[in-house]
């Protein structure tokens, strides 16, 4: 805007032309802001959907393992942090599930060997 004011002073643009230019600039800025806001709202919706999916996935793992995931307090966390926390918890629970499956397989082999 400072550059525009400098050009106006140097060229002596009439008031009507300056007002028309300001109106055009204002409309373009509003349109850009509206697009950015719409993009952000879309991103938020996507993150919320991913978080819902992750929570369902984590709940299924917790049910099948009869364990509760250790999640940090999410009351003031960002969507990105919540998703990262859920991803980590899912990874940990999946690893626990894999370990338990391996233990069961080992026990089954041991029982089969005794029989």
Foldseek 3Di string as FASTA:
>chain_A
DVVVVVVCVVVVDDPVVVVVVVVVVVVVVVVVVVVVVVVVVVVVVVLVVLLVVLVVLLVVLCVVVVHDFDADDCPPPDSVVSNVRSVVSNVVSVVVVVVVVVVVVVVVVVVVVVD
